[in-house]
Amino acid sequence: MKNVAVILAGGTGKRMGAYLPKQFLKIAGKSIIEHSITIFEKHEGVDEICVVIHSNFIADVERIVSAAGFKKVNKILCGGRERSDSSLAAILAYENEQDVNLIFHDAVRPFVNQSIIDDVVAGLSAGNSVAVAIPSTDTIFKLNNEKCIESIPPRDLLYRAQTPQAFSYKTIKKAYDLAMKDPDFEATDDCGVVLRYLPDEAIHIVEGNENNIKITFEQDLAIGEDIIV
């Protein structure tokens, strides 16, 4: 099985308030997306990289790939309005090459480490679906429609989702095929699509890392600078 890292970079970074999408902002002199691609470029278990980006920024990604000398980036695709649209673009791009695993990763999580990817790749060899998550250190309140506490789920069963999320091609393609036929489908992450449309499919968890943060707000850039030092 070929392992393909799908770097999801279709976001426009509205919450950051910057002119450029946040994946093009710099940490330690390099764009966030370059940091993310580099991790997968260096991993021996990743055979190929596919970047999904808004059509306005394809040329920017092409310049980054060329300047950095990335060898594994084989596809640069146009993303859609929702995350699920970008995932679907990658799924369709490999329709004629189905003997692959797709490893979906947020471009704005530039601090995923080699150990996490090791565990994801190993998990794929044992099953069809793998997600990265870390235990919740906070108590979580479930609220009702009146914004009052309805229940307090046991904390030992609660994990905070990170990426990568990885699947055999046949699994993720089947889940999205069913989703696209559902008039009530709502955009979610890839695990959510598999969980809803393939409820008997076990999604195994490998543990992430507190440093595997998602760059969402401006203050996250400063946190990122501290992590990379």
Protein backbone atom coordinates (compact mmCIF):
# COMPACT_ATOMS: atom_id res chain seq x y z
CA MET A 1 0.00 0.00 0.00
CA LYS A 2 1.25 3.45 -0.91
CA ASN A 3 0.90 6.09 1.80
CA VAL A 4 -0.17 9.49 0.52
CA ALA A 5 -0.11 12.52 2.82
CA VAL A 6 -2.91 14.92 1.90
CA ILE A 7 -2.10 18.42 3.17
CA LEU A 8 -5.41 20.25 3.55
CA ALA A 9 -4.71 23.95 3.00
CA GLY A 10 -7.95 25.23 1.53
CA GLY A 11 -8.78 27.61 4.39
CA THR A 12 -8.76 31.38 3.92
CA GLY A 13 -7.74 32.19 7.50
CA LYS A 14 -10.58 34.59 8.30
CA ARG A 15 -10.22 34.11 12.06
CA MET A 16 -6.60 35.21 11.85
CA GLY A 17 -7.57 38.49 10.19
CA ALA A 18 -4.52 38.46 7.94
CA TYR A 19 -4.35 39.32 4.23
CA LEU A 20 -2.77 35.98 3.40
CA PRO A 21 -4.33 32.69 4.48
CA LYS A 22 -2.72 31.61 7.73
CA GLN A 23 -0.92 28.67 6.12
CA PHE A 24 1.32 31.20 4.32
CA LEU A 25 2.25 33.18 7.43
CA LYS A 26 5.75 32.52 8.70
CA ILE A 27 7.14 30.88 11.79
CA ALA A 28 10.93 30.90 12.21
CA GLY A 29 11.37 32.27 8.70
CA LYS A 30 9.33 29.61 6.88
CA SER A 31 5.68 29.50 5.93
CA ILE A 32 3.46 27.30 8.05
CA ILE A 33 2.58 25.12 5.08
CA GLU A 34 6.28 24.59 4.30
CA HIS A 35 6.85 23.34 7.84
CA SER A 36 3.93 20.93 7.47
CA ILE A 37 5.04 19.58 4.10
CA THR A 38 8.61 19.16 5.35
CA ILE A 39 7.57 16.74 8.10
CA PHE A 40 5.94 14.38 5.61
CA GLU A 41 8.66 14.88 3.01
CA LYS A 42 11.20 13.59 5.53
CA HIS A 43 9.16 10.61 6.75
CA GLU A 44 10.24 7.32 5.19
CA GLY A 45 6.76 5.83 5.51
CA VAL A 46 5.18 8.52 3.32
CA ASP A 47 5.51 7.83 -0.40
CA GLU A 48 3.74 10.84 -1.88
CA ILE A 49 2.30 14.22 -0.91
CA CYS A 50 -0.83 15.88 -2.27
CA VAL A 51 -1.59 19.52 -1.37
CA VAL A 52 -5.16 20.82 -1.57
CA ILE A 53 -5.31 24.62 -1.74
CA HIS A 54 -7.70 27.40 -2.75
CA SER A 55 -7.39 28.06 -6.47
CA ASN A 56 -6.13 31.61 -5.84
CA PHE A 57 -3.00 30.26 -4.14
CA ILE A 58 -1.94 27.34 -6.32
CA ALA A 59 0.94 29.37 -7.77
CA ASP A 60 2.13 30.22 -4.24
CA VAL A 61 2.29 26.53 -3.32
CA GLU A 62 4.08 25.74 -6.58
CA ARG A 63 6.74 28.35 -5.72
CA ILE A 64 7.17 26.96 -2.20
CA VAL A 65 7.50 23.38 -3.50
CA SER A 66 10.03 24.43 -6.13
CA ALA A 67 12.12 26.61 -3.80
CA ALA A 68 12.22 23.96 -1.05
CA GLY A 69 13.03 21.18 -3.50
CA PHE A 70 10.25 18.91 -2.27
CA LYS A 71 10.39 15.61 -4.19
CA LYS A 72 7.28 13.90 -2.88
CA VAL A 73 4.70 16.56 -3.81
CA ASN A 74 3.03 14.97 -6.80
CA LYS A 75 -0.34 16.73 -6.86
CA ILE A 76 -1.53 20.27 -6.10
CA LEU A 77 -5.32 20.37 -6.22
CA CYS A 78 -8.04 23.01 -5.92
CA GLY A 79 -9.90 22.83 -2.63
CA GLY A 80 -13.55 23.56 -1.99
CA ARG A 81 -15.56 25.77 0.31
CA GLU A 82 -15.67 23.24 3.14
CA ARG A 83 -13.01 20.94 4.52
CA SER A 84 -14.99 17.97 3.24
CA ASP A 85 -14.84 19.42 -0.29
CA SER A 86 -11.04 19.50 -0.08
CA SER A 87 -10.89 15.93 1.21
CA LEU A 88 -13.20 14.84 -1.59
CA ALA A 89 -10.95 16.53 -4.18
CA ALA A 90 -8.05 14.35 -2.99
CA ILE A 91 -10.19 11.21 -2.91
CA LEU A 92 -11.31 11.75 -6.50
CA ALA A 93 -7.73 12.47 -7.60
CA TYR A 94 -6.73 8.92 -6.60
CA GLU A 95 -9.80 7.21 -8.05
CA ASN A 96 -7.70 5.31 -10.59
CA GLU A 97 -5.06 4.35 -8.04
CA GLN A 98 -7.00 2.83 -5.20
CA ASP A 99 -4.28 0.72 -3.59
CA VAL A 100 -3.34 3.62 -1.33
CA ASN A 101 -3.83 4.99 2.15
CA LEU A 102 -4.79 8.66 2.42
CA ILE A 103 -3.33 10.49 5.42
CA PHE A 104 -5.22 13.77 5.84
CA HIS A 105 -3.41 16.52 7.73
CA ASP A 106 -4.25 20.16 8.44
CA ALA A 107 -1.67 22.42 6.81
CA VAL A 108 -1.87 24.68 9.87
CA ARG A 109 -0.64 21.95 12.24
CA PRO A 110 3.07 22.43 11.46
CA PHE A 111 4.38 20.68 14.57
CA VAL A 112 3.20 17.13 14.00
CA ASN A 113 6.22 14.95 14.68
CA GLN A 114 7.76 11.87 13.14
CA SER A 115 6.65 9.68 16.05
CA ILE A 116 2.99 10.52 15.50
CA ILE A 117 3.28 9.72 11.80
CA ASP A 118 5.08 6.48 12.70
CA ASP A 119 2.10 5.48 14.83
CA VAL A 120 -0.43 6.47 12.16
CA VAL A 121 1.35 4.43 9.49
CA ALA A 122 1.63 1.47 11.86
CA GLY A 123 -2.04 1.80 12.71
CA LEU A 124 -2.98 1.68 9.04
CA SER A 125 -1.17 -1.64 8.68
CA ALA A 126 -3.45 -3.07 11.38
CA GLY A 127 -6.74 -1.45 10.30
CA ASN A 128 -8.49 0.83 7.83
CA SER A 129 -9.04 3.98 9.89
CA VAL A 130 -6.76 5.85 12.29
CA ALA A 131 -7.11 9.16 14.10
CA VAL A 132 -4.78 11.19 16.30
CA ALA A 133 -6.04 12.58 19.59
CA ILE A 134 -4.91 13.51 23.08
CA PRO A 135 -6.73 12.99 26.39
CA SER A 136 -8.78 15.92 27.60
CA THR A 137 -7.32 17.49 30.73
CA ASP A 138 -10.46 19.56 31.28
CA THR A 139 -13.90 18.57 32.47
CA ILE A 140 -16.35 18.94 29.57
CA PHE A 141 -19.91 20.20 29.99
CA LYS A 142 -22.61 19.06 27.58
CA LEU A 143 -25.23 21.80 27.38
CA ASN A 144 -28.90 21.76 26.48
CA ASN A 145 -30.64 24.21 24.14
CA GLU A 146 -30.99 26.69 26.99
CA LYS A 147 -27.20 26.72 27.46
CA CYS A 148 -27.47 24.96 30.80
CA ILE A 149 -25.47 21.89 31.82
CA GLU A 150 -27.21 18.73 30.67
CA SER A 151 -24.52 16.23 31.56
CA ILE A 152 -20.83 15.85 32.37
CA PRO A 153 -19.29 13.00 30.33
CA PRO A 154 -16.58 10.94 32.06
CA ARG A 155 -13.30 12.69 31.32
CA ASP A 156 -11.37 9.45 30.81
CA LEU A 157 -13.45 8.83 27.67
CA LEU A 158 -12.91 12.28 26.20
CA TYR A 159 -10.08 13.02 23.77
CA ARG A 160 -9.23 16.17 21.81
CA ALA A 161 -8.94 15.52 18.09
CA GLN A 162 -5.81 16.40 16.14
CA THR A 163 -4.59 15.38 12.71
CA PRO A 164 -3.51 13.32 10.80
CA GLN A 165 -6.64 11.29 10.19
CA ALA A 166 -5.86 8.34 7.93
CA PHE A 167 -7.86 5.76 6.01
CA SER A 168 -7.53 3.09 3.40
CA TYR A 169 -8.75 4.46 0.09
CA LYS A 170 -11.68 2.06 -0.13
CA THR A 171 -12.91 3.03 3.33
CA ILE A 172 -12.85 6.80 2.89
CA LYS A 173 -14.19 6.60 -0.68
CA LYS A 174 -17.13 4.46 0.41
CA ALA A 175 -17.94 6.85 3.28
CA TYR A 176 -17.90 9.90 1.01
CA ASP A 177 -19.92 8.12 -1.69
CA LEU A 178 -22.66 7.59 0.89
CA ALA A 179 -22.31 11.14 2.21
CA MET A 180 -22.72 12.66 -1.25
CA LYS A 181 -26.03 10.81 -1.65
CA ASP A 182 -27.36 12.20 1.63
CA PRO A 183 -29.32 15.46 1.15
CA ASP A 184 -28.85 16.19 4.86
CA PHE A 185 -25.07 15.80 4.82
CA GLU A 186 -23.30 18.43 6.90
CA ALA A 187 -19.63 19.21 6.47
CA THR A 188 -17.43 17.73 9.17
CA ASP A 189 -13.99 16.22 9.51
CA ASP A 190 -13.13 12.94 7.81
CA CYS A 191 -13.57 10.84 10.95
CA GLY A 192 -17.05 12.31 11.29
CA VAL A 193 -17.91 11.19 7.76
CA VAL A 194 -16.68 7.65 8.39
CA LEU A 195 -18.38 7.49 11.79
CA ARG A 196 -21.73 8.58 10.39
CA TYR A 197 -21.85 6.59 7.16
CA LEU A 198 -19.80 3.53 8.13
CA PRO A 199 -20.84 3.09 11.78
CA ASP A 200 -19.37 -0.41 11.96
CA GLU A 201 -15.93 0.83 10.91
CA ALA A 202 -13.57 0.98 13.89
CA ILE A 203 -11.53 4.19 14.01
CA HIS A 204 -8.45 3.49 16.09
CA ILE A 205 -6.79 6.23 18.11
CA VAL A 206 -3.08 6.92 18.35
CA GLU A 207 -1.91 9.48 20.86
CA GLY A 208 -0.88 12.90 19.63
CA ASN A 209 1.19 15.57 21.30
CA GLU A 210 0.40 18.85 23.06
CA ASN A 211 2.74 20.61 20.60
CA ASN A 212 0.69 19.43 17.62
CA ILE A 213 -1.34 22.64 17.79
CA LYS A 214 -3.51 24.18 15.10
CA ILE A 215 -2.50 27.73 14.20
CA THR A 216 -5.85 29.51 14.38
CA PHE A 217 -5.40 32.87 16.06
CA GLU A 218 -2.65 35.47 15.95
CA GLN A 219 -1.36 34.53 19.40
CA ASP A 220 -0.77 30.98 18.12
CA LEU A 221 2.09 32.31 15.99
CA ALA A 222 4.00 33.32 19.14
CA ILE A 223 3.31 29.91 20.67
CA GLY A 224 4.62 28.34 17.48
CA GLU A 225 7.84 30.32 17.68
CA ASP A 226 8.39 28.95 21.20
CA ILE A 227 7.71 25.37 20.07
CA ILE A 228 10.13 25.48 17.16
CA VAL A 229 13.06 26.88 19.16
